[in-house]
Structure formats: C-alpha cells, structure tokens
C-alpha cells in the first residue's frame, strides 16, 4: 500500500503478487482475501482489467464465505470498477448512472454536484455523454428512460 501511495505501482504490484503467493501456503483465508483485494485494485490501476476482475471475484467469494459483509462490499465495489464484461454490456458508466439518477429525480446540476462532491462542469459533461448515449434531448426524457433502464 505504501509503494502504491508513493506512486511506485510496478513495485507495489510485484509485492502484492508475492504476498498472494505466500498466503497460498498459510491457512489464513481472510488475510489472503484482503491481499487479493489489494492486488486486484493494483491490477486494475495497471489496466490489467481481466486479471483484476478474476482476482477480485475470488476475494469477494472468500469474504462472502467468511461472512465479512463490509469487506465483501469493498470487493464488490472494486469489482464493479474492474469488471470488463459488465462494462461492455452496460450502457452508462457507474458515474454517469449516478448523475443520471439524481438528475432524473429532479435535482439541479448544482445539487447533483454537491451531492456527489464533483464540479458543476463535471455534471454537465456527464449529462452530455448520457444524452448522447441514450439518444435523448431533455431531462424529462431522461426520467422516462431511467425508469425503463431500471426495469
């Protein structure tokens, strides 16, 4: 974690891979899953999304088997960011989806920006992409379309 925080992603990835191999020798599934979670995050940052998704799925399965819901939630969140298959089948990215849902609920761009801790300009850029992807031109259409996407 320290290597990654210092910006040395290559060394962090090598160390995490080595730590995972060491965990294979020990009967400590929780510690192994935590290491896999970090390894998956590093793989995603290295743009090795397929490897990251596989590693994160394994960590998630272990956390769920050990009944560790908070760690499972962290793994699930990382997996959503790394999972190439779901990204290909999904029309909107996760951030676009959050913006679209808040806008469709009637919030102004400024309110959405405040709720998501992003700039108003970022909301506008996301809305432009959302409108283009969904082939719509208004907030009213967005509201109707979000309801259909949820169904």
Protein backbone atom coordinates (compact mmCIF):
# COMPACT_ATOMS: atom_id res chain seq x y z
CA UNK A 1 0.00 0.00 0.00
CA UNK A 2 2.87 2.35 0.80
CA UNK A 3 4.55 1.68 -2.52
CA UNK A 4 1.32 2.45 -4.38
CA UNK A 5 0.79 5.59 -2.33
CA UNK A 6 4.31 6.73 -3.26
CA UNK A 7 3.46 6.16 -6.92
CA UNK A 8 5.60 3.07 -7.48
CA UNK A 9 2.82 0.91 -8.94
CA UNK A 10 5.18 -1.60 -10.54
CA UNK A 11 6.87 -2.42 -7.23
CA UNK A 12 3.51 -2.44 -5.42
CA UNK A 13 2.11 -4.93 -7.93
CA UNK A 14 5.15 -7.20 -7.66
CA UNK A 15 4.98 -7.11 -3.87
CA UNK A 16 1.23 -7.85 -3.83
CA UNK A 17 1.72 -10.80 -6.21
CA UNK A 18 4.49 -12.13 -3.97
CA UNK A 19 2.34 -11.67 -0.86
CA UNK A 20 -0.53 -13.56 -2.51
CA UNK A 21 1.81 -16.44 -3.31
CA UNK A 22 2.96 -16.50 0.32
CA UNK A 23 -0.66 -16.57 1.51
CA UNK A 24 -1.22 -19.73 -0.55
CA UNK A 25 0.98 -21.56 1.96
CA UNK A 26 -0.95 -20.38 5.04
CA UNK A 27 -4.43 -21.29 6.31
CA UNK A 28 -5.49 -17.64 6.65
CA UNK A 29 -8.31 -17.08 4.15
CA UNK A 30 -9.30 -13.64 5.44
CA UNK A 31 -5.76 -12.25 5.17
CA UNK A 32 -5.39 -13.85 1.76
CA UNK A 33 -8.63 -12.25 0.57
CA UNK A 34 -7.51 -8.83 1.82
CA UNK A 35 -4.26 -9.23 -0.10
CA UNK A 36 -6.21 -10.32 -3.19
CA UNK A 37 -8.42 -7.24 -2.86
CA UNK A 38 -5.35 -5.00 -2.90
CA UNK A 39 -3.77 -6.99 -5.73
CA UNK A 40 -6.95 -6.66 -7.80
CA UNK A 41 -7.02 -2.91 -7.23
CA UNK A 42 -3.39 -2.65 -8.34
CA UNK A 43 -4.03 -4.80 -11.40
CA UNK A 44 -6.92 -2.52 -12.36
CA UNK A 45 -4.68 0.54 -11.98
CA UNK A 46 -2.20 -1.21 -14.32
CA UNK A 47 -5.05 -1.64 -16.81
CA UNK A 48 -5.00 -5.42 -16.42
CA UNK A 49 -8.78 -5.50 -16.04
CA UNK A 50 -9.33 -9.18 -16.82
CA UNK A 51 -6.78 -10.27 -14.23
CA UNK A 52 -8.15 -7.72 -11.76
CA UNK A 53 -11.71 -8.96 -12.21
CA UNK A 54 -10.67 -12.58 -11.66
CA UNK A 55 -8.66 -11.70 -8.55
CA UNK A 56 -11.44 -9.54 -7.13
CA UNK A 57 -14.08 -12.21 -7.79
CA UNK A 58 -12.02 -14.68 -5.79
CA UNK A 59 -11.58 -12.19 -2.92
CA UNK A 60 -15.31 -11.44 -2.97
CA UNK A 61 -16.21 -15.14 -2.82
CA UNK A 62 -13.92 -15.60 0.19
CA UNK A 63 -15.32 -12.58 2.03
CA UNK A 64 -18.87 -13.82 1.41
CA UNK A 65 -17.97 -17.35 2.55
CA UNK A 66 -16.39 -15.92 5.73
CA UNK A 67 -19.46 -13.71 6.33
CA UNK A 68 -17.48 -10.45 6.20
CA UNK A 69 -20.09 -8.09 4.68
CA UNK A 70 -18.09 -4.86 4.91
CA UNK A 71 -15.09 -6.41 3.18
CA UNK A 72 -17.39 -8.07 0.64
CA UNK A 73 -18.88 -4.66 -0.14
CA UNK A 74 -15.40 -3.21 -0.70
CA UNK A 75 -14.52 -6.10 -3.00
CA UNK A 76 -17.82 -5.74 -4.87
CA UNK A 77 -17.19 -2.02 -5.42
CA UNK A 78 -13.68 -2.69 -6.74
CA UNK A 79 -15.02 -5.48 -8.94
CA UNK A 80 -17.64 -3.17 -10.47
CA UNK A 81 -14.85 -0.78 -11.43
CA UNK A 82 -12.70 -3.52 -12.93
CA UNK A 83 -15.20 -5.93 -14.47
CA UNK A 84 -14.84 -5.62 -18.23
CA UNK A 85 -17.86 -7.81 -19.06
CA UNK A 86 -20.37 -5.72 -17.14
CA UNK A 87 -18.80 -2.54 -18.52
CA UNK A 88 -19.34 -3.80 -22.06
CA UNK A 89 -22.97 -4.73 -21.51
CA UNK A 90 -23.87 -1.62 -19.54
CA UNK A 91 -24.92 1.47 -21.48
CA UNK A 92 -23.82 4.02 -18.86
CA UNK A 93 -20.73 4.04 -16.68
CA UNK A 94 -21.20 3.94 -12.91
CA UNK A 95 -20.56 7.69 -12.55
CA UNK A 96 -22.87 8.52 -15.47
CA UNK A 97 -25.53 6.32 -13.91
CA UNK A 98 -25.31 8.15 -10.55
CA UNK A 99 -25.56 11.54 -12.27
CA UNK A 100 -28.47 10.36 -14.45
CA UNK A 101 -30.42 9.01 -11.48
CA UNK A 102 -30.03 12.23 -9.49
CA UNK A 103 -30.91 14.44 -12.46
CA UNK A 104 -33.91 12.24 -13.26
CA UNK A 105 -35.09 12.63 -9.65
CA UNK A 106 -35.42 16.37 -10.28
CA UNK A 107 -32.19 17.73 -8.83
CA UNK A 108 -30.45 20.69 -10.44
CA UNK A 109 -26.91 20.37 -11.78
CA UNK A 110 -25.63 22.31 -8.77
CA UNK A 111 -27.50 19.99 -6.36
CA UNK A 112 -26.12 16.91 -8.13
CA UNK A 113 -22.60 18.34 -7.99
CA UNK A 114 -22.95 18.95 -4.26
CA UNK A 115 -24.39 15.51 -3.58
CA UNK A 116 -21.62 13.73 -5.50
CA UNK A 117 -18.79 16.07 -4.46
CA UNK A 118 -17.94 16.93 -8.06
CA UNK A 119 -17.98 20.18 -10.02
CA UNK A 120 -20.99 21.50 -11.89
CA UNK A 121 -18.90 21.27 -15.06
CA UNK A 122 -18.37 17.55 -14.44
CA UNK A 123 -22.13 17.09 -14.09
CA UNK A 124 -22.63 18.91 -17.39
CA UNK A 125 -20.02 16.78 -19.16
CA UNK A 126 -21.63 13.61 -17.80
CA UNK A 127 -25.07 14.80 -18.91
CA UNK A 128 -23.76 15.47 -22.42
CA UNK A 129 -22.42 11.91 -22.61
CA UNK A 130 -25.63 10.48 -21.11
CA UNK A 131 -27.84 12.33 -23.57
CA UNK A 132 -25.69 11.15 -26.49
CA UNK A 133 -25.58 7.52 -25.33
CA UNK A 134 -29.32 7.37 -24.66
CA UNK A 135 -30.15 9.45 -27.74
CA UNK A 136 -32.29 11.90 -25.75
CA UNK A 137 -32.53 15.69 -25.54
CA UNK A 138 -34.23 16.61 -22.26
CA UNK A 139 -34.40 15.88 -18.54
CA UNK A 140 -37.96 14.66 -18.95
CA UNK A 141 -36.81 12.08 -21.49
CA UNK A 142 -34.01 11.13 -19.11
CA UNK A 143 -36.54 10.50 -16.34
CA UNK A 144 -38.60 8.21 -18.56
CA UNK A 145 -35.53 6.44 -19.88
CA UNK A 146 -34.04 5.82 -16.43
CA UNK A 147 -37.30 4.15 -15.37
CA UNK A 148 -37.08 1.84 -18.40
CA UNK A 149 -33.39 1.09 -17.77
CA UNK A 150 -34.24 0.08 -14.19
CA UNK A 151 -36.97 -2.24 -15.43
